[in-house]
Amino acid sequence: QHEQELAIQRGRCRVVSSSTAPLGAVGLENPVGSQNCFLNVVVQSLWHLPAFQGPFLGGSATHRCADPKRCLICVLRNLFSQYKFSGFAHIPPQELREVVSEIFANIRRFQVDQMDDAAELLDHLLSQLHCELSGAPSAGS
């Protein structure tokens, strides 16, 4: 949140009122060189699926968070909450990017500052979420 406040002071972000912002007005940041396009398109697609966002915003996606640095559920819950409640026009996906990078480091996919494939990320994210929710071994292991 402190970084967002600094970004506003520097004029990089604009605050949108939740009462005047059209549906879908919030986007994810993609600074030059960050290579977040593939990640952002997947997250934005999932965000627009009520059946997907509901459990994260409503808290029904229950799990035991063994390692917050590798918890996809926690980071998606946080990101979706920012989408819904932050009031910012753009929110940073960096926390998600770092968790995804950590989870899939052993297969050398979806690493920070590297470009990758959106369809493959979607497949891996859904598999990882299934593992986290069912208690099965991690898809990234």
Protein backbone atom coordinates (compact mmCIF):
# COMPACT_ATOMS: atom_id res chain seq x y z
CA GLN A 1 0.00 0.00 0.00
CA HIS A 2 2.88 2.36 0.74
CA GLU A 3 4.20 1.87 -2.82
CA GLN A 4 0.77 2.74 -4.21
CA GLU A 5 0.64 5.90 -2.12
CA LEU A 6 4.08 6.91 -3.41
CA ALA A 7 2.98 6.18 -6.98
CA ILE A 8 0.00 8.49 -6.54
CA GLN A 9 2.24 11.23 -5.19
CA ARG A 10 4.48 10.83 -8.23
CA GLY A 11 1.47 11.01 -10.54
CA ARG A 12 1.80 7.46 -11.92
CA CYS A 13 -1.55 6.17 -10.67
CA ARG A 14 -4.96 7.69 -10.73
CA VAL A 15 -7.57 6.93 -8.12
CA VAL A 16 -11.01 6.01 -9.39
CA SER A 17 -14.08 6.28 -7.23
CA SER A 18 -15.86 2.96 -6.86
CA SER A 19 -19.15 4.79 -7.45
CA THR A 20 -18.04 6.26 -10.81
CA ALA A 21 -15.66 3.62 -12.11
CA PRO A 22 -17.13 1.43 -14.82
CA LEU A 23 -17.03 -2.34 -14.33
CA GLY A 24 -13.59 -3.60 -15.31
CA ALA A 25 -11.97 -0.17 -14.95
CA VAL A 26 -9.16 -1.54 -12.81
CA GLY A 27 -6.14 -2.93 -14.63
CA LEU A 28 -2.85 -4.54 -13.72
CA GLU A 29 0.41 -2.67 -14.04
CA ASN A 30 2.82 -3.75 -16.76
CA PRO A 31 5.90 -1.50 -16.63
CA VAL A 32 8.25 -1.64 -19.60
CA GLY A 33 10.52 -4.67 -19.29
CA SER A 34 8.46 -6.44 -16.61
CA GLN A 35 7.07 -8.97 -19.10
CA ASN A 36 3.79 -9.24 -17.16
CA CYS A 37 1.49 -9.40 -20.22
CA PHE A 38 0.95 -13.18 -20.09
CA LEU A 39 0.29 -13.10 -16.34
CA ASN A 40 -2.02 -10.09 -16.52
CA VAL A 41 -4.23 -11.56 -19.25
CA VAL A 42 -4.75 -14.74 -17.22
CA VAL A 43 -5.53 -12.89 -13.98
CA GLN A 44 -7.89 -10.44 -15.69
CA SER A 45 -9.72 -13.30 -17.41
CA LEU A 46 -10.14 -15.17 -14.13
CA TRP A 47 -11.25 -11.99 -12.35
CA HIS A 48 -14.19 -11.63 -14.77
CA LEU A 49 -15.51 -15.12 -13.94
CA PRO A 50 -17.90 -14.73 -10.99
CA ALA A 51 -17.61 -18.44 -10.18
CA PHE A 52 -13.86 -18.01 -9.86
CA GLN A 53 -13.64 -14.70 -8.00
CA GLY A 54 -16.49 -15.47 -5.60
CA PRO A 55 -14.68 -18.02 -3.43
CA PHE A 56 -11.64 -15.75 -3.14
CA LEU A 57 -13.59 -12.65 -2.17
CA GLY A 58 -16.09 -14.52 -0.03
CA GLY A 59 -13.42 -16.45 1.83
CA SER A 60 -14.81 -19.88 0.96
CA ALA A 61 -11.52 -20.96 -0.63
CA THR A 62 -10.30 -22.60 2.58
CA HIS A 63 -6.85 -24.03 2.92
CA ARG A 64 -3.94 -24.32 5.26
CA CYS A 65 -1.24 -21.93 4.23
CA ALA A 66 1.99 -23.81 4.88
CA ASP A 67 4.26 -21.31 3.14
CA PRO A 68 3.00 -17.76 2.38
CA LYS A 69 5.84 -17.28 -0.12
CA ARG A 70 4.34 -20.11 -2.19
CA CYS A 71 0.62 -19.71 -1.48
CA LEU A 72 -1.28 -19.01 -4.67
CA ILE A 73 -4.63 -18.87 -2.87
CA CYS A 74 -3.48 -16.15 -0.46
CA VAL A 75 -1.93 -14.01 -3.16
CA LEU A 76 -4.97 -14.31 -5.46
CA ARG A 77 -7.28 -13.44 -2.56
CA ASN A 78 -5.18 -10.35 -1.90
CA LEU A 79 -5.06 -9.34 -5.58
CA PHE A 80 -8.80 -9.86 -6.09
CA SER A 81 -9.50 -7.79 -2.97
CA GLN A 82 -7.41 -5.00 -4.46
CA TYR A 83 -9.36 -5.28 -7.71
CA LYS A 84 -12.64 -4.90 -5.87
CA PHE A 85 -11.82 -2.45 -3.09
CA SER A 86 -8.61 -0.49 -3.77
CA GLY A 87 -9.98 2.43 -5.80
CA PHE A 88 -6.82 2.51 -7.93
CA ALA A 89 -6.95 2.44 -11.73
CA HIS A 90 -3.93 0.10 -11.82
CA ILE A 91 -2.73 -2.41 -9.27
CA PRO A 92 0.65 -4.13 -9.16
CA PRO A 93 0.75 -7.87 -9.87
CA GLN A 94 4.28 -8.15 -8.45
CA GLU A 95 3.36 -10.21 -5.39
CA LEU A 96 1.58 -12.75 -7.60
CA ARG A 97 4.44 -12.71 -10.07
CA GLU A 98 6.93 -13.51 -7.31
CA VAL A 99 4.80 -16.34 -5.87
CA VAL A 100 4.27 -17.86 -9.33
CA SER A 101 8.00 -17.57 -10.00
CA GLU A 102 8.80 -19.31 -6.70
CA ILE A 103 6.25 -22.10 -7.21
CA PHE A 104 7.48 -22.96 -10.69
CA ALA A 105 11.21 -22.24 -10.23
CA ASN A 106 12.08 -25.94 -10.42
CA ILE A 107 10.65 -26.18 -13.95
CA ARG A 108 12.14 -22.81 -14.91
CA ARG A 109 8.81 -21.37 -16.05
CA PHE A 110 6.99 -18.10 -15.37
CA GLN A 111 10.03 -16.42 -13.82
CA VAL A 112 10.14 -12.73 -12.89
CA ASP A 113 11.12 -10.46 -15.80
CA GLN A 114 10.80 -13.30 -18.33
CA MET A 115 8.12 -13.64 -20.98
CA ASP A 116 6.05 -16.82 -21.09
CA ASP A 117 2.84 -18.27 -22.52
CA ALA A 118 -0.58 -17.28 -21.11
CA ALA A 119 -2.32 -20.57 -21.98
CA GLU A 120 0.40 -22.61 -20.30
CA LEU A 121 0.31 -20.35 -17.25
CA LEU A 122 -3.47 -20.81 -16.99
CA ASP A 123 -3.04 -24.59 -17.10
CA HIS A 124 -0.31 -24.53 -14.43
CA LEU A 125 -2.20 -22.08 -12.18
CA LEU A 126 -5.38 -24.15 -12.25
CA SER A 127 -3.40 -27.31 -11.47
CA GLN A 128 -1.62 -25.55 -8.61
CA LEU A 129 -4.89 -24.22 -7.19
CA HIS A 130 -6.36 -27.72 -7.34
CA CYS A 131 -3.37 -29.05 -5.41
CA GLU A 132 -3.55 -26.30 -2.80
CA LEU A 133 -7.29 -26.73 -2.27
CA SER A 134 -7.25 -30.53 -2.23
CA GLY A 135 -4.07 -30.92 -0.17
CA ALA A 136 -2.39 -32.87 -3.00
CA PRO A 137 1.34 -32.47 -3.68
CA SER A 138 2.19 -29.16 -5.31
CA ALA A 139 2.04 -28.96 -9.10
CA GLY A 140 5.26 -26.95 -9.04
CA SER A 141 7.18 -29.64 -7.17
